[in-house]
C-alpha atoms as a PDB file:
ATOM      1  CA  UNK A   1      96.592 -18.222  13.330  1.00  0.00           C
ATOM      2  CA  UNK A   2      93.099 -16.898  13.055  1.00  0.00           C
ATOM      3  CA  UNK A   3      90.084 -18.901  13.980  1.00  0.00           C
ATOM      4  CA  UNK A   4      89.072 -18.899  10.460  1.00  0.00           C
ATOM      5  CA  UNK A   5      92.039 -20.670   9.148  1.00  0.00           C
ATOM      6  CA  UNK A   6      91.566 -23.572  11.731  1.00  0.00           C
ATOM      7  CA  UNK A   7      87.865 -24.413  10.357  1.00  0.00           C
ATOM      8  CA  UNK A   8      87.148 -26.545   7.347  1.00  0.00           C
ATOM      9  CA  UNK A   9      85.587 -24.572   4.524  1.00  0.00           C
ATOM     10  CA  UNK A  10      81.780 -24.789   4.446  1.00  0.00           C
ATOM     11  CA  UNK A  11      80.287 -27.457   2.421  1.00  0.00           C
ATOM     12  CA  UNK A  12      78.359 -26.216  -0.349  1.00  0.00           C
ATOM     13  CA  UNK A  13      74.628 -27.525  -0.630  1.00  0.00           C
ATOM     14  CA  UNK A  14      74.008 -28.954  -4.031  1.00  0.00           C
ATOM     15  CA  UNK A  15      70.742 -29.806  -5.680  1.00  0.00           C
ATOM     16  CA  UNK A  16      71.124 -32.853  -7.890  1.00  0.00           C
ATOM     17  CA  UNK A  17      69.875 -32.627 -11.445  1.00  0.00           C
ATOM     18  CA  UNK A  18      69.037 -36.326 -11.335  1.00  0.00           C
ATOM     19  CA  UNK A  19      71.124 -36.620 -14.690  1.00  0.00           C
ATOM     20  CA  UNK A  20      73.988 -38.869 -13.565  1.00  0.00           C
ATOM     21  CA  UNK A  21      76.590 -37.419 -15.896  1.00  0.00           C
ATOM     22  CA  UNK A  22      75.724 -33.867 -15.215  1.00  0.00           C
ATOM     23  CA  UNK A  23      75.863 -34.380 -11.524  1.00  0.00           C
ATOM     24  CA  UNK A  24      79.217 -36.017 -11.816  1.00  0.00           C
ATOM     25  CA  UNK A  25      80.464 -32.985 -13.792  1.00  0.00           C
ATOM     26  CA  UNK A  26      78.771 -30.339 -11.327  1.00  0.00           C
ATOM     27  CA  UNK A  27      80.307 -32.519  -8.319  1.00  0.00           C
ATOM     28  CA  UNK A  28      76.948 -33.359  -7.057  1.00  0.00           C
ATOM     29  CA  UNK A  29      74.442 -31.066  -8.724  1.00  0.00           C
ATOM     30  CA  UNK A  30      73.795 -27.475  -9.026  1.00  0.00           C
ATOM     31  CA  UNK A  31      74.602 -25.175  -6.126  1.00  0.00           C
ATOM     32  CA  UNK A  32      71.540 -24.419  -4.181  1.00  0.00           C
ATOM     33  CA  UNK A  33      70.439 -20.796  -4.572  1.00  0.00           C
ATOM     34  CA  UNK A  34      72.783 -20.557  -7.537  1.00  0.00           C
ATOM     35  CA  UNK A  35      71.693 -18.986 -10.896  1.00  0.00           C
ATOM     36  CA  UNK A  36      72.510 -20.865 -14.085  1.00  0.00           C
ATOM     37  CA  UNK A  37      72.192 -19.951 -17.839  1.00  0.00           C
ATOM     38  CA  UNK A  38      71.951 -22.836 -20.221  1.00  0.00           C
ATOM     39  CA  UNK A  39      72.473 -21.581 -23.830  1.00  0.00           C
ATOM     40  CA  UNK A  40      72.496 -23.358 -27.101  1.00  0.00           C
ATOM     41  CA  UNK A  41      70.927 -23.236 -30.421  1.00  0.00           C
ATOM     42  CA  UNK A  42      67.090 -24.253 -31.074  1.00  0.00           C
ATOM     43  CA  UNK A  43      66.955 -28.012 -30.812  1.00  0.00           C
ATOM     44  CA  UNK A  44      70.076 -28.246 -28.470  1.00  0.00           C
ATOM     45  CA  UNK A  45      67.853 -29.791 -25.759  1.00  0.00           C
ATOM     46  CA  UNK A  46      67.743 -26.981 -23.375  1.00  0.00           C
ATOM     47  CA  UNK A  47      63.983 -27.281 -22.617  1.00  0.00           C
ATOM     48  CA  UNK A  48      64.249 -30.947 -22.279  1.00  0.00           C
ATOM     49  CA  UNK A  49      67.255 -30.506 -19.774  1.00  0.00           C
ATOM     50  CA  UNK A  50      65.149 -28.030 -17.934  1.00  0.00           C
ATOM     51  CA  UNK A  51      62.201 -30.181 -17.710  1.00  0.00           C
ATOM     52  CA  UNK A  52      64.192 -33.092 -16.831  1.00  0.00           C
ATOM     53  CA  UNK A  53      65.733 -31.284 -13.784  1.00  0.00           C
ATOM     54  CA  UNK A  54      62.357 -30.134 -12.643  1.00  0.00           C
ATOM     55  CA  UNK A  55      60.958 -33.651 -12.719  1.00  0.00           C
ATOM     56  CA  UNK A  56      64.015 -35.010 -10.840  1.00  0.00           C
ATOM     57  CA  UNK A  57      63.627 -32.225  -8.355  1.00  0.00           C
ATOM     58  CA  UNK A  58      60.038 -32.762  -7.613  1.00  0.00           C
ATOM     59  CA  UNK A  59      60.757 -36.555  -7.342  1.00  0.00           C
ATOM     60  CA  UNK A  60      63.206 -35.626  -4.586  1.00  0.00           C
ATOM     61  CA  UNK A  61      60.562 -33.777  -2.655  1.00  0.00           C
ATOM     62  CA  UNK A  62      61.070 -30.378  -4.194  1.00  0.00           C
ATOM     63  CA  UNK A  63      58.518 -28.064  -5.933  1.00  0.00           C
ATOM     64  CA  UNK A  64      59.132 -26.208  -9.165  1.00  0.00           C
ATOM     65  CA  UNK A  65      57.936 -23.442 -11.189  1.00  0.00           C
ATOM     66  CA  UNK A  66      58.532 -23.390 -15.012  1.00  0.00           C
ATOM     67  CA  UNK A  67      58.130 -20.231 -16.459  1.00  0.00           C
ATOM     68  CA  UNK A  68      58.539 -19.829 -20.220  1.00  0.00           C
ATOM     69  CA  UNK A  69      58.893 -16.723 -22.244  1.00  0.00           C
ATOM     70  CA  UNK A  70      58.483 -18.416 -25.445  1.00  0.00           C
ATOM     71  CA  UNK A  71      55.462 -18.039 -27.372  1.00  0.00           C
ATOM     72  CA  UNK A  72      54.959 -21.796 -27.397  1.00  0.00           C
ATOM     73  CA  UNK A  73      52.171 -22.921 -24.900  1.00  0.00           C
ATOM     74  CA  UNK A  74      52.914 -25.058 -21.931  1.00  0.00           C
ATOM     75  CA  UNK A  75      50.450 -27.591 -23.313  1.00  0.00           C
ATOM     76  CA  UNK A  76      52.453 -27.866 -26.446  1.00  0.00           C
ATOM     77  CA  UNK A  77      55.761 -28.201 -24.685  1.00  0.00           C
ATOM     78  CA  UNK A  78      54.339 -30.785 -22.599  1.00  0.00           C
ATOM     79  CA  UNK A  79      52.934 -32.838 -25.619  1.00  0.00           C
ATOM     80  CA  UNK A  80      56.463 -32.566 -27.059  1.00  0.00           C
ATOM     81  CA  UNK A  81      58.146 -33.887 -23.830  1.00  0.00           C
ATOM     82  CA  UNK A  82      55.722 -36.666 -22.769  1.00  0.00           C
ATOM     83  CA  UNK A  83      57.466 -39.402 -24.650  1.00  0.00           C
ATOM     84  CA  UNK A  84      60.714 -39.225 -22.428  1.00  0.00           C
ATOM     85  CA  UNK A  85      61.168 -41.653 -19.482  1.00  0.00           C
ATOM     86  CA  UNK A  86      61.239 -38.786 -17.050  1.00  0.00           C
ATOM     87  CA  UNK A  87      57.849 -37.485 -17.913  1.00  0.00           C
ATOM     88  CA  UNK A  88      54.788 -38.242 -15.709  1.00  0.00           C
ATOM     89  CA  UNK A  89      51.543 -36.197 -15.440  1.00  0.00           C
ATOM     90  CA  UNK A  90      50.993 -37.513 -11.797  1.00  0.00           C
ATOM     91  CA  UNK A  91      52.841 -34.818  -9.948  1.00  0.00           C
ATOM     92  CA  UNK A  92      52.592 -31.797 -12.285  1.00  0.00           C
ATOM     93  CA  UNK A  93      49.247 -30.502 -10.524  1.00  0.00           C
ATOM     94  CA  UNK A  94      50.883 -30.468  -7.003  1.00  0.00           C
ATOM     95  CA  UNK A  95      54.529 -29.844  -7.383  1.00  0.00           C
ATOM     96  CA  UNK A  96      55.334 -28.446 -10.812  1.00  0.00           C
ATOM     97  CA  UNK A  97      53.444 -25.559 -12.062  1.00  0.00           C
ATOM     98  CA  UNK A  98      53.766 -24.165 -15.647  1.00  0.00           C
ATOM     99  CA  UNK A  99      53.348 -20.655 -16.423  1.00  0.00           C
ATOM    100  CA  UNK A 100      53.739 -18.194 -19.318  1.00  0.00           C
ATOM    101  CA  UNK A 101      55.349 -14.923 -18.852  1.00  0.00           C
ATOM    102  CA  UNK A 102      55.288 -13.992 -22.505  1.00  0.00           C
ATOM    103  CA  UNK A 103      52.412 -11.546 -22.509  1.00  0.00           C
ATOM    104  CA  UNK A 104      53.426 -10.060 -18.919  1.00  0.00           C
ATOM    105  CA  UNK A 105      57.054  -9.355 -20.430  1.00  0.00           C
ATOM    106  CA  UNK A 106      55.533  -8.078 -23.695  1.00  0.00           C
ATOM    107  CA  UNK A 107      52.942  -5.796 -21.819  1.00  0.00           C
ATOM    108  CA  UNK A 108      54.579  -4.967 -18.425  1.00  0.00           C
ATOM    109  CA  UNK A 109      58.335  -5.253 -19.129  1.00  0.00           C
ATOM    110  CA  UNK A 110      61.018  -6.813 -16.646  1.00  0.00           C
ATOM    111  CA  UNK A 111      59.216  -5.140 -13.685  1.00  0.00           C
ATOM    112  CA  UNK A 112      55.997  -6.966 -14.258  1.00  0.00           C
ATOM    113  CA  UNK A 113      57.865 -10.086 -15.228  1.00  0.00           C
ATOM    114  CA  UNK A 114      59.888 -10.054 -11.906  1.00  0.00           C
ATOM    115  CA  UNK A 115      56.597  -9.308  -9.955  1.00  0.00           C
ATOM    116  CA  UNK A 116      54.841 -12.121 -11.319  1.00  0.00           C
ATOM    117  CA  UNK A 117      57.838 -14.615 -10.667  1.00  0.00           C
ATOM    118  CA  UNK A 118      57.822 -13.424  -7.037  1.00  0.00           C
ATOM    119  CA  UNK A 119      54.043 -13.891  -6.587  1.00  0.00           C
ATOM    120  CA  UNK A 120      53.981 -17.247  -8.371  1.00  0.00           C
ATOM    121  CA  UNK A 121      57.114 -18.658  -6.409  1.00  0.00           C
ATOM    122  CA  UNK A 122      55.378 -17.763  -3.109  1.00  0.00           C
ATOM    123  CA  UNK A 123      51.895 -19.130  -4.254  1.00  0.00           C
ATOM    124  CA  UNK A 124      53.431 -22.522  -5.335  1.00  0.00           C
ATOM    125  CA  UNK A 125      55.851 -22.539  -2.580  1.00  0.00           C
ATOM    126  CA  UNK A 126      58.461 -23.338  -5.266  1.00  0.00           C
ATOM    127  CA  UNK A 127      62.005 -24.480  -4.269  1.00  0.00           C
ATOM    128  CA  UNK A 128      63.243 -24.346  -8.083  1.00  0.00           C
ATOM    129  CA  UNK A 129      62.689 -21.662 -10.677  1.00  0.00           C
ATOM    130  CA  UNK A 130      63.334 -22.272 -14.295  1.00  0.00           C
ATOM    131  CA  UNK A 131      62.763 -19.564 -16.831  1.00  0.00           C
ATOM    132  CA  UNK A 132      62.878 -20.753 -20.328  1.00  0.00           C
ATOM    133  CA  UNK A 133      63.336 -18.588 -23.419  1.00  0.00           C
ATOM    134  CA  UNK A 134      65.228 -15.572 -21.648  1.00  0.00           C
ATOM    135  CA  UNK A 135      67.560 -15.171 -24.478  1.00  0.00           C
ATOM    136  CA  UNK A 136      64.408 -14.394 -26.633  1.00  0.00           C
ATOM    137  CA  UNK A 137      63.276 -11.727 -24.326  1.00  0.00           C
END
């Protein structure tokens, strides 16, 4: 038998969403380094889910960059989610950054948007990237 067959399978690192039912379904959370596409009709809760994941991620010691491709401003989105229990303004300045990529995508295309994401991920030392509104792009 080969050495590989004698070794246990590697443990996959997971990032908990902080949402108990979702983490149970995902066997502990999202795979670290994974890419996920959350789809649904308007009003289904995609933006709320993404924000709750960000807030739970920073509460666990991570940092997040929330990039929106929607025409809606970040301040308007924040006004809409501030009634939820997970929302708190305290960590936003240091560990959760909101950025609009709407005009960059419109003016510079996908190449400009990719450059913006790379630059901002490094600048904010983000360990989580959320891109909201990708299907509208």
